[in-house]
Amino acid sequence: PRISLGLEWTGLIRMLPLRTGFATGGNKSTAFSF
């Protein structure tokens, strides 16, 4: 199994979202995303 989690924050400026994510497990290595 591979577990992934992602978040998006639109904050005060809806047209400029900020995103982050994390994934681990499976046949791939751990990864962070922005």
PDB file of all heavy atoms in Angstrom:
ATOM      1  N   PRO A   1       0.810  -1.211   0.000  1.00  0.00           N
ATOM      2  CA  PRO A   1       0.000   0.000   0.000  1.00  0.00           C
ATOM      3  C   PRO A   1       0.850   1.271   0.000  1.00  0.00           C
ATOM      4  O   PRO A   1       1.960   1.282   0.531  1.00  0.00           O
ATOM      5  CB  PRO A   1      -0.816  -0.103   1.288  1.00  0.00           C
ATOM      6  CG  PRO A   1      -0.060  -1.031   2.157  1.00  0.00           C
ATOM      7  CD  PRO A   1       0.703  -1.953   1.246  1.00  0.00           C
ATOM      8  N   ARG A   2       0.351   2.311  -0.617  1.00  0.00           N
ATOM      9  CA  ARG A   2       1.008   3.622  -0.623  1.00  0.00           C
ATOM     10  C   ARG A   2       0.017   4.629  -0.060  1.00  0.00           C
ATOM     11  O   ARG A   2      -1.142   4.676  -0.486  1.00  0.00           O
ATOM     12  CB  ARG A   2       1.420   4.025  -2.033  1.00  0.00           C
ATOM     13  CG  ARG A   2       2.153   5.359  -2.085  1.00  0.00           C
ATOM     14  CD  ARG A   2       2.924   5.487  -3.381  1.00  0.00           C
ATOM     15  NE  ARG A   2       3.590   6.758  -3.538  1.00  0.00           N
ATOM     16  CZ  ARG A   2       4.812   7.041  -3.075  1.00  0.00           C
ATOM     17  NH1 ARG A   2       5.476   6.110  -2.416  1.00  0.00           N
ATOM     18  NH2 ARG A   2       5.348   8.222  -3.271  1.00  0.00           N
ATOM     19  N   ILE A   3       0.472   5.418   0.891  1.00  0.00           N
ATOM     20  CA  ILE A   3      -0.370   6.418   1.537  1.00  0.00           C
ATOM     21  C   ILE A   3       0.066   7.798   1.070  1.00  0.00           C
ATOM     22  O   ILE A   3       1.255   8.119   1.091  1.00  0.00           O
ATOM     23  CB  ILE A   3      -0.271   6.311   3.067  1.00  0.00           C
ATOM     24  CG1 ILE A   3      -0.789   4.944   3.511  1.00  0.00           C
ATOM     25  CG2 ILE A   3      -1.043   7.427   3.746  1.00  0.00           C
ATOM     26  CD1 ILE A   3      -0.566   4.651   4.973  1.00  0.00           C
ATOM     27  N   SER A   4      -0.895   8.606   0.632  1.00  0.00           N
ATOM     28  CA  SER A   4      -0.613   9.964   0.173  1.00  0.00           C
ATOM     29  C   SER A   4      -1.588  10.925   0.848  1.00  0.00           C
ATOM     30  O   SER A   4      -2.751  10.592   1.077  1.00  0.00           O
ATOM     31  CB  SER A   4      -0.786  10.071  -1.339  1.00  0.00           C
ATOM     32  OG  SER A   4       0.072   9.190  -1.997  1.00  0.00           O
ATOM     33  N   LEU A   5      -1.088  12.125   1.156  1.00  0.00           N
ATOM     34  CA  LEU A   5      -1.901  13.147   1.787  1.00  0.00           C
ATOM     35  C   LEU A   5      -1.564  14.484   1.151  1.00  0.00           C
ATOM     36  O   LEU A   5      -0.385  14.797   0.950  1.00  0.00           O
ATOM     37  CB  LEU A   5      -1.618  13.203   3.293  1.00  0.00           C
ATOM     38  CG  LEU A   5      -2.283  14.322   4.083  1.00  0.00           C
ATOM     39  CD1 LEU A   5      -3.789  14.095   4.139  1.00  0.00           C
ATOM     40  CD2 LEU A   5      -1.715  14.378   5.483  1.00  0.00           C
ATOM     41  N   GLY A   6      -2.560  15.262   0.821  1.00  0.00           N
ATOM     42  CA  GLY A   6      -2.332  16.575   0.228  1.00  0.00           C
ATOM     43  C   GLY A   6      -3.253  17.619   0.823  1.00  0.00           C
ATOM     44  O   GLY A   6      -4.368  17.312   1.252  1.00  0.00           O
ATOM     45  N   LEU A   7      -2.757  18.845   0.902  1.00  0.00           N
ATOM     46  CA  LEU A   7      -3.535  19.963   1.422  1.00  0.00           C
ATOM     47  C   LEU A   7      -3.445  21.146   0.468  1.00  0.00           C
ATOM     48  O   LEU A   7      -2.402  21.378  -0.141  1.00  0.00           O
ATOM     49  CB  LEU A   7      -2.995  20.400   2.787  1.00  0.00           C
ATOM     50  CG  LEU A   7      -3.026  19.376   3.909  1.00  0.00           C
ATOM     51  CD1 LEU A   7      -2.267  19.902   5.105  1.00  0.00           C
ATOM     52  CD2 LEU A   7      -4.455  19.068   4.291  1.00  0.00           C
ATOM     53  N   GLU A   8      -4.541  21.880   0.347  1.00  0.00           N
ATOM     54  CA  GLU A   8      -4.552  23.118  -0.436  1.00  0.00           C
ATOM     55  C   GLU A   8      -5.150  24.213   0.424  1.00  0.00           C
ATOM     56  O   GLU A   8      -6.183  24.031   1.055  1.00  0.00           O
ATOM     57  CB  GLU A   8      -5.377  22.957  -1.705  1.00  0.00           C
ATOM     58  CG  GLU A   8      -5.432  24.226  -2.528  1.00  0.00           C
ATOM     59  CD  GLU A   8      -6.178  24.068  -3.829  1.00  0.00           C
ATOM     60  OE1 GLU A   8      -5.829  23.163  -4.604  1.00  0.00           O
ATOM     61  OE2 GLU A   8      -7.115  24.856  -4.061  1.00  0.00           O
ATOM     62  N   TRP A   9      -4.482  25.366   0.463  1.00  0.00           N
ATOM     63  CA  TRP A   9      -4.955  26.509   1.229  1.00  0.00           C
ATOM     64  C   TRP A   9      -5.114  27.687   0.292  1.00  0.00           C
ATOM     65  O   TRP A   9      -4.160  28.088  -0.377  1.00  0.00           O
ATOM     66  CB  TRP A   9      -3.957  26.831   2.345  1.00  0.00           C
ATOM     67  CG  TRP A   9      -4.367  27.975   3.214  1.00  0.00           C
ATOM     68  CD1 TRP A   9      -5.467  28.045   4.016  1.00  0.00           C
ATOM     69  CD2 TRP A   9      -3.676  29.211   3.367  1.00  0.00           C
ATOM     70  NE1 TRP A   9      -5.496  29.250   4.669  1.00  0.00           N
ATOM     71  CE2 TRP A   9      -4.405  29.994   4.286  1.00  0.00           C
ATOM     72  CE3 TRP A   9      -2.508  29.738   2.826  1.00  0.00           C
ATOM     73  CZ2 TRP A   9      -4.005  31.259   4.659  1.00  0.00           C
ATOM     74  CZ3 TRP A   9      -2.118  31.005   3.209  1.00  0.00           C
ATOM     75  CH2 TRP A   9      -2.863  31.743   4.118  1.00  0.00           C
ATOM     76  N   THR A  10      -6.322  28.237   0.231  1.00  0.00           N
ATOM     77  CA  THR A  10      -6.546  29.384  -0.622  1.00  0.00           C
ATOM     78  C   THR A  10      -6.371  30.699   0.125  1.00  0.00           C
ATOM     79  O   THR A  10      -6.129  31.723  -0.486  1.00  0.00           O
ATOM     80  CB  THR A  10      -7.953  29.344  -1.268  1.00  0.00           C
ATOM     81  OG1 THR A  10      -8.921  29.190  -0.242  1.00  0.00           O
ATOM     82  CG2 THR A  10      -8.056  28.228  -2.268  1.00  0.00           C
ATOM     83  N   GLY A  11      -6.458  30.666   1.448  1.00  0.00           N
ATOM     84  CA  GLY A  11      -6.168  31.838   2.256  1.00  0.00           C
ATOM     85  C   GLY A  11      -6.947  33.069   1.847  1.00  0.00           C
ATOM     86  O   GLY A  11      -8.106  32.999   1.472  1.00  0.00           O
ATOM     87  N   LEU A  12      -6.280  34.197   1.877  1.00  0.00           N
ATOM     88  CA  LEU A  12      -6.938  35.460   1.575  1.00  0.00           C
ATOM     89  C   LEU A  12      -7.045  35.738   0.084  1.00  0.00           C
ATOM     90  O   LEU A  12      -7.893  36.490  -0.359  1.00  0.00           O
ATOM     91  CB  LEU A  12      -6.170  36.606   2.243  1.00  0.00           C
ATOM     92  CG  LEU A  12      -6.081  36.530   3.761  1.00  0.00           C
ATOM     93  CD1 LEU A  12      -5.188  37.637   4.295  1.00  0.00           C
ATOM     94  CD2 LEU A  12      -7.458  36.593   4.381  1.00  0.00           C
ATOM     95  N   ILE A  13      -6.164  35.123  -0.706  1.00  0.00           N
ATOM     96  CA  ILE A  13      -6.155  35.359  -2.146  1.00  0.00           C
ATOM     97  C   ILE A  13      -6.595  34.079  -2.847  1.00  0.00           C
ATOM     98  O   ILE A  13      -5.803  33.163  -3.047  1.00  0.00           O
ATOM     99  CB  ILE A  13      -4.756  35.795  -2.632  1.00  0.00           C
ATOM    100  CG1 ILE A  13      -4.273  37.008  -1.841  1.00  0.00           C
ATOM    101  CG2 ILE A  13      -4.776  36.080  -4.124  1.00  0.00           C
ATOM    102  CD1 ILE A  13      -2.836  37.389  -2.122  1.00  0.00           C
ATOM    103  N   ARG A  14      -7.858  33.994  -3.207  1.00  0.00           N
ATOM    104  CA  ARG A  14      -8.409  32.767  -3.790  1.00  0.00           C
ATOM    105  C   ARG A  14      -7.721  32.371  -5.095  1.00  0.00           C
ATOM    106  O   ARG A  14      -7.594  31.204  -5.423  1.00  0.00           O
ATOM    107  CB  ARG A  14      -9.900  32.942  -4.020  1.00  0.00           C
ATOM    108  CG  ARG A  14     -10.543  31.691  -4.544  1.00  0.00           C
ATOM    109  CD  ARG A  14     -12.025  31.887  -4.783  1.00  0.00           C
ATOM    110  NE  ARG A  14     -12.529  30.744  -5.516  1.00  0.00           N
ATOM    111  CZ  ARG A  14     -13.489  29.966  -5.086  1.00  0.00           C
ATOM    112  NH1 ARG A  14     -14.071  30.205  -3.954  1.00  0.00           N
ATOM    113  NH2 ARG A  14     -13.892  28.948  -5.813  1.00  0.00           N
ATOM    114  N   MET A  15      -7.244  33.352  -5.867  1.00  0.00           N
ATOM    115  CA  MET A  15      -6.633  33.033  -7.163  1.00  0.00           C
ATOM    116  C   MET A  15      -5.187  32.557  -7.045  1.00  0.00           C
ATOM    117  O   MET A  15      -4.561  32.247  -8.051  1.00  0.00           O
ATOM    118  CB  MET A  15      -6.705  34.246  -8.098  1.00  0.00           C
ATOM    119  CG  MET A  15      -5.947  35.450  -7.603  1.00  0.00           C
ATOM    120  SD  MET A  15      -6.183  36.868  -8.656  1.00  0.00           S
ATOM    121  CE  MET A  15      -4.729  36.753  -9.652  1.00  0.00           C
ATOM    122  N   LEU A  16      -4.636  32.460  -5.808  1.00  0.00           N
ATOM    123  CA  LEU A  16      -3.252  32.034  -5.608  1.00  0.00           C
ATOM    124  C   LEU A  16      -3.189  30.961  -4.519  1.00  0.00           C
ATOM    125  O   LEU A  16      -2.771  31.222  -3.397  1.00  0.00           O
ATOM    126  CB  LEU A  16      -2.385  33.236  -5.231  1.00  0.00           C
ATOM    127  CG  LEU A  16      -0.897  33.026  -5.167  1.00  0.00           C
ATOM    128  CD1 LEU A  16      -0.338  32.710  -6.543  1.00  0.00           C
ATOM    129  CD2 LEU A  16      -0.212  34.264  -4.618  1.00  0.00           C
ATOM    130  N   PRO A  17      -3.609  29.714  -4.825  1.00  0.00           N
ATOM    131  CA  PRO A  17      -3.616  28.659  -3.814  1.00  0.00           C
ATOM    132  C   PRO A  17      -2.196  28.148  -3.507  1.00  0.00           C
ATOM    133  O   PRO A  17      -1.314  28.169  -4.364  1.00  0.00           O
ATOM    134  CB  PRO A  17      -4.445  27.549  -4.465  1.00  0.00           C
ATOM    135  CG  PRO A  17      -4.233  27.748  -5.929  1.00  0.00           C
ATOM    136  CD  PRO A  17      -4.111  29.236  -6.114  1.00  0.00           C
ATOM    137  N   LEU A  18      -1.999  27.708  -2.278  1.00  0.00           N
ATOM    138  CA  LEU A  18      -0.746  27.064  -1.868  1.00  0.00           C
ATOM    139  C   LEU A  18      -1.048  25.601  -1.579  1.00  0.00           C
ATOM    140  O   LEU A  18      -2.050  25.282  -0.939  1.00  0.00           O
ATOM    141  CB  LEU A  18      -0.176  27.743  -0.618  1.00  0.00           C
ATOM    142  CG  LEU A  18       0.173  29.206  -0.773  1.00  0.00           C
ATOM    143  CD1 LEU A  18       0.605  29.778   0.570  1.00  0.00           C
ATOM    144  CD2 LEU A  18       1.268  29.385  -1.804  1.00  0.00           C
ATOM    145  N   ARG A  19      -0.171  24.705  -2.053  1.00  0.00           N
ATOM    146  CA  ARG A  19      -0.411  23.269  -1.902  1.00  0.00           C
ATOM    147  C   ARG A  19       0.820  22.567  -1.345  1.00  0.00           C
ATOM    148  O   ARG A  19       1.950  22.959  -1.628  1.00  0.00           O
ATOM    149  CB  ARG A  19      -0.748  22.641  -3.252  1.00  0.00           C
ATOM    150  CG  ARG A  19      -1.945  23.263  -3.902  1.00  0.00           C
ATOM    151  CD  ARG A  19      -2.195  22.638  -5.265  1.00  0.00           C
ATOM    152  NE  ARG A  19      -3.260  23.331  -5.939  1.00  0.00           N
ATOM    153  CZ  ARG A  19      -3.086  24.119  -6.991  1.00  0.00           C
ATOM    154  NH1 ARG A  19      -1.885  24.279  -7.504  1.00  0.00           N
ATOM    155  NH2 ARG A  19      -4.108  24.726  -7.533  1.00  0.00           N
ATOM    156  N   THR A  20       0.572  21.501  -0.589  1.00  0.00           N
ATOM    157  CA  THR A  20       1.650  20.656  -0.107  1.00  0.00           C
ATOM    158  C   THR A  20       1.146  19.211  -0.053  1.00  0.00           C
ATOM    159  O   THR A  20      -0.058  18.975   0.048  1.00  0.00           O
ATOM    160  CB  THR A  20       2.165  21.116   1.281  1.00  0.00           C
ATOM    161  OG1 THR A  20       3.308  20.345   1.640  1.00  0.00           O
ATOM    162  CG2 THR A  20       1.099  20.968   2.347  1.00  0.00           C
ATOM    163  N   GLY A  21       2.065  18.269  -0.120  1.00  0.00           N
ATOM    164  CA  GLY A  21       1.669  16.868  -0.089  1.00  0.00           C
ATOM    165  C   GLY A  21       2.789  15.983   0.424  1.00  0.00           C
ATOM    166  O   GLY A  21       3.956  16.392   0.492  1.00  0.00           O
ATOM    167  N   PHE A  22       2.428  14.768   0.795  1.00  0.00           N
ATOM    168  CA  PHE A  22       3.363  13.780   1.323  1.00  0.00           C
ATOM    169  C   PHE A  22       2.890  12.408   0.865  1.00  0.00           C
ATOM    170  O   PHE A  22       1.696  12.126   0.878  1.00  0.00           O
ATOM    171  CB  PHE A  22       3.385  13.853   2.857  1.00  0.00           C
ATOM    172  CG  PHE A  22       4.171  12.757   3.502  1.00  0.00           C
ATOM    173  CD1 PHE A  22       5.552  12.799   3.538  1.00  0.00           C
ATOM    174  CD2 PHE A  22       3.530  11.670   4.070  1.00  0.00           C
ATOM    175  CE1 PHE A  22       6.276  11.787   4.134  1.00  0.00           C
ATOM    176  CE2 PHE A  22       4.247  10.655   4.672  1.00  0.00           C
ATOM    177  CZ  PHE A  22       5.623  10.715   4.703  1.00  0.00           C
ATOM    178  N   ALA A  23       3.822  11.564   0.441  1.00  0.00           N
ATOM    179  CA  ALA A  23       3.484  10.191   0.027  1.00  0.00           C
ATOM    180  C   ALA A  23       4.571   9.247   0.510  1.00  0.00           C
ATOM    181  O   ALA A  23       5.760   9.579   0.486  1.00  0.00           O
ATOM    182  CB  ALA A  23       3.344  10.101  -1.482  1.00  0.00           C
ATOM    183  N   THR A  24       4.168   8.073   0.955  1.00  0.00           N
ATOM    184  CA  THR A  24       5.124   7.065   1.407  1.00  0.00           C
ATOM    185  C   THR A  24       4.537   5.673   1.186  1.00  0.00           C
ATOM    186  O   THR A  24       3.328   5.497   1.089  1.00  0.00           O
ATOM    187  CB  THR A  24       5.495   7.269   2.891  1.00  0.00           C
ATOM    188  OG1 THR A  24       6.564   6.398   3.239  1.00  0.00           O
ATOM    189  CG2 THR A  24       4.319   7.011   3.817  1.00  0.00           C
ATOM    190  N   GLY A  25       5.414   4.679   1.089  1.00  0.00           N
ATOM    191  CA  GLY A  25       4.980   3.301   0.924  1.00  0.00           C
ATOM    192  C   GLY A  25       5.014   2.843  -0.520  1.00  0.00           C
ATOM    193  O   GLY A  25       5.540   3.536  -1.397  1.00  0.00           O
ATOM    194  N   GLY A  26       4.458   1.669  -0.753  1.00  0.00           N
ATOM    195  CA  GLY A  26       4.437   1.106  -2.096  1.00  0.00           C
ATOM    196  C   GLY A  26       5.833   0.762  -2.585  1.00  0.00           C
ATOM    197  O   GLY A  26       6.733   0.493  -1.803  1.00  0.00           O
ATOM    198  N   ASN A  27       6.024   0.769  -3.882  1.00  0.00           N
ATOM    199  CA  ASN A  27       7.330   0.470  -4.473  1.00  0.00           C
ATOM    200  C   ASN A  27       8.164   1.717  -4.700  1.00  0.00           C
ATOM    201  O   ASN A  27       9.229   1.652  -5.297  1.00  0.00           O
ATOM    202  CB  ASN A  27       7.152  -0.252  -5.815  1.00  0.00           C
ATOM    203  CG  ASN A  27       6.643  -1.664  -5.631  1.00  0.00           C
ATOM    204  OD1 ASN A  27       6.855  -2.272  -4.588  1.00  0.00           O
ATOM    205  ND2 ASN A  27       5.963  -2.183  -6.632  1.00  0.00           N
ATOM    206  N   LYS A  28       7.675   2.888  -4.255  1.00  0.00           N
ATOM    207  CA  LYS A  28       8.383   4.146  -4.464  1.00  0.00           C
ATOM    208  C   LYS A  28       8.873   4.689  -3.131  1.00  0.00           C
ATOM    209  O   LYS A  28       8.356   4.334  -2.075  1.00  0.00           O
ATOM    210  CB  LYS A  28       7.460   5.160  -5.134  1.00  0.00           C
ATOM    211  CG  LYS A  28       6.973   4.724  -6.491  1.00  0.00           C
ATOM    212  CD  LYS A  28       6.078   5.762  -7.099  1.00  0.00           C
ATOM    213  CE  LYS A  28       5.587   5.300  -8.463  1.00  0.00           C
ATOM    214  NZ  LYS A  28       4.716   6.289  -9.085  1.00  0.00           N
ATOM    215  N   SER A  29       9.853   5.591  -3.190  1.00  0.00           N
ATOM    216  CA  SER A  29      10.378   6.174  -1.969  1.00  0.00           C
ATOM    217  C   SER A  29       9.452   7.283  -1.462  1.00  0.00           C
ATOM    218  O   SER A  29       8.542   7.729  -2.156  1.00  0.00           O
ATOM    219  CB  SER A  29      11.779   6.744  -2.220  1.00  0.00           C
ATOM    220  OG  SER A  29      11.728   7.768  -3.183  1.00  0.00           O
ATOM    221  N   THR A  30       9.716   7.726  -0.252  1.00  0.00           N
ATOM    222  CA  THR A  30       8.962   8.821   0.344  1.00  0.00           C
ATOM    223  C   THR A  30       9.165  10.087  -0.469  1.00  0.00           C
ATOM    224  O   THR A  30      10.244  10.342  -0.974  1.00  0.00           O
ATOM    225  CB  THR A  30       9.443   9.045   1.791  1.00  0.00           C
ATOM    226  OG1 THR A  30       9.207   7.842   2.523  1.00  0.00           O
ATOM    227  CG2 THR A  30       8.710  10.189   2.449  1.00  0.00           C
ATOM    228  N   ALA A  31       8.113  10.897  -0.601  1.00  0.00           N
ATOM    229  CA  ALA A  31       8.210  12.127  -1.380  1.00  0.00           C
ATOM    230  C   ALA A  31       7.394  13.237  -0.728  1.00  0.00           C
ATOM    231  O   ALA A  31       6.323  12.988  -0.172  1.00  0.00           O
ATOM    232  CB  ALA A  31       7.707  11.888  -2.800  1.00  0.00           C
ATOM    233  N   PHE A  32       7.917  14.444  -0.779  1.00  0.00           N
ATOM    234  CA  PHE A  32       7.219  15.655  -0.363  1.00  0.00           C
ATOM    235  C   PHE A  32       6.949  16.471  -1.619  1.00  0.00           C
ATOM    236  O   PHE A  32       7.786  16.514  -2.521  1.00  0.00           O
ATOM    237  CB  PHE A  32       8.081  16.483   0.593  1.00  0.00           C
ATOM    238  CG  PHE A  32       8.349  15.812   1.909  1.00  0.00           C
ATOM    239  CD1 PHE A  32       9.499  15.057   2.088  1.00  0.00           C
ATOM    240  CD2 PHE A  32       7.457  15.937   2.957  1.00  0.00           C
ATOM    241  CE1 PHE A  32       9.757  14.443   3.290  1.00  0.00           C
ATOM    242  CE2 PHE A  32       7.705  15.321   4.171  1.00  0.00           C
ATOM    243  CZ  PHE A  32       8.860  14.570   4.338  1.00  0.00           C
ATOM    244  N   SER A  33       5.810  17.140  -1.678  1.00  0.00           N
ATOM    245  CA  SER A  33       5.513  17.978  -2.841  1.00  0.00           C
ATOM    246  C   SER A  33       5.004  19.344  -2.380  1.00  0.00           C
ATOM    247  O   SER A  33       4.408  19.479  -1.312  1.00  0.00           O
ATOM    248  CB  SER A  33       4.488  17.309  -3.749  1.00  0.00           C
ATOM    249  OG  SER A  33       3.280  17.098  -3.054  1.00  0.00           O
ATOM    250  N   PHE A  34       5.268  20.338  -3.215  1.00  0.00           N
ATOM    251  CA  PHE A  34       4.872  21.715  -2.940  1.00  0.00           C
ATOM    252  C   PHE A  34       4.403  22.336  -4.245  1.00  0.00           C
ATOM    253  O   PHE A  34       4.940  22.022  -5.297  1.00  0.00           O
ATOM    254  CB  PHE A  34       6.055  22.517  -2.393  1.00  0.00           C
ATOM    255  CG  PHE A  34       6.690  21.884  -1.189  1.00  0.00           C
ATOM    256  CD1 PHE A  34       7.768  21.032  -1.337  1.00  0.00           C
ATOM    257  CD2 PHE A  34       6.179  22.118   0.073  1.00  0.00           C
ATOM    258  CE1 PHE A  34       8.342  20.433  -0.235  1.00  0.00           C
ATOM    259  CE2 PHE A  34       6.748  21.522   1.181  1.00  0.00           C
ATOM    260  CZ  PHE A  34       7.838  20.678   1.032  1.00  0.00           C
TER     261      PHE A  34
END
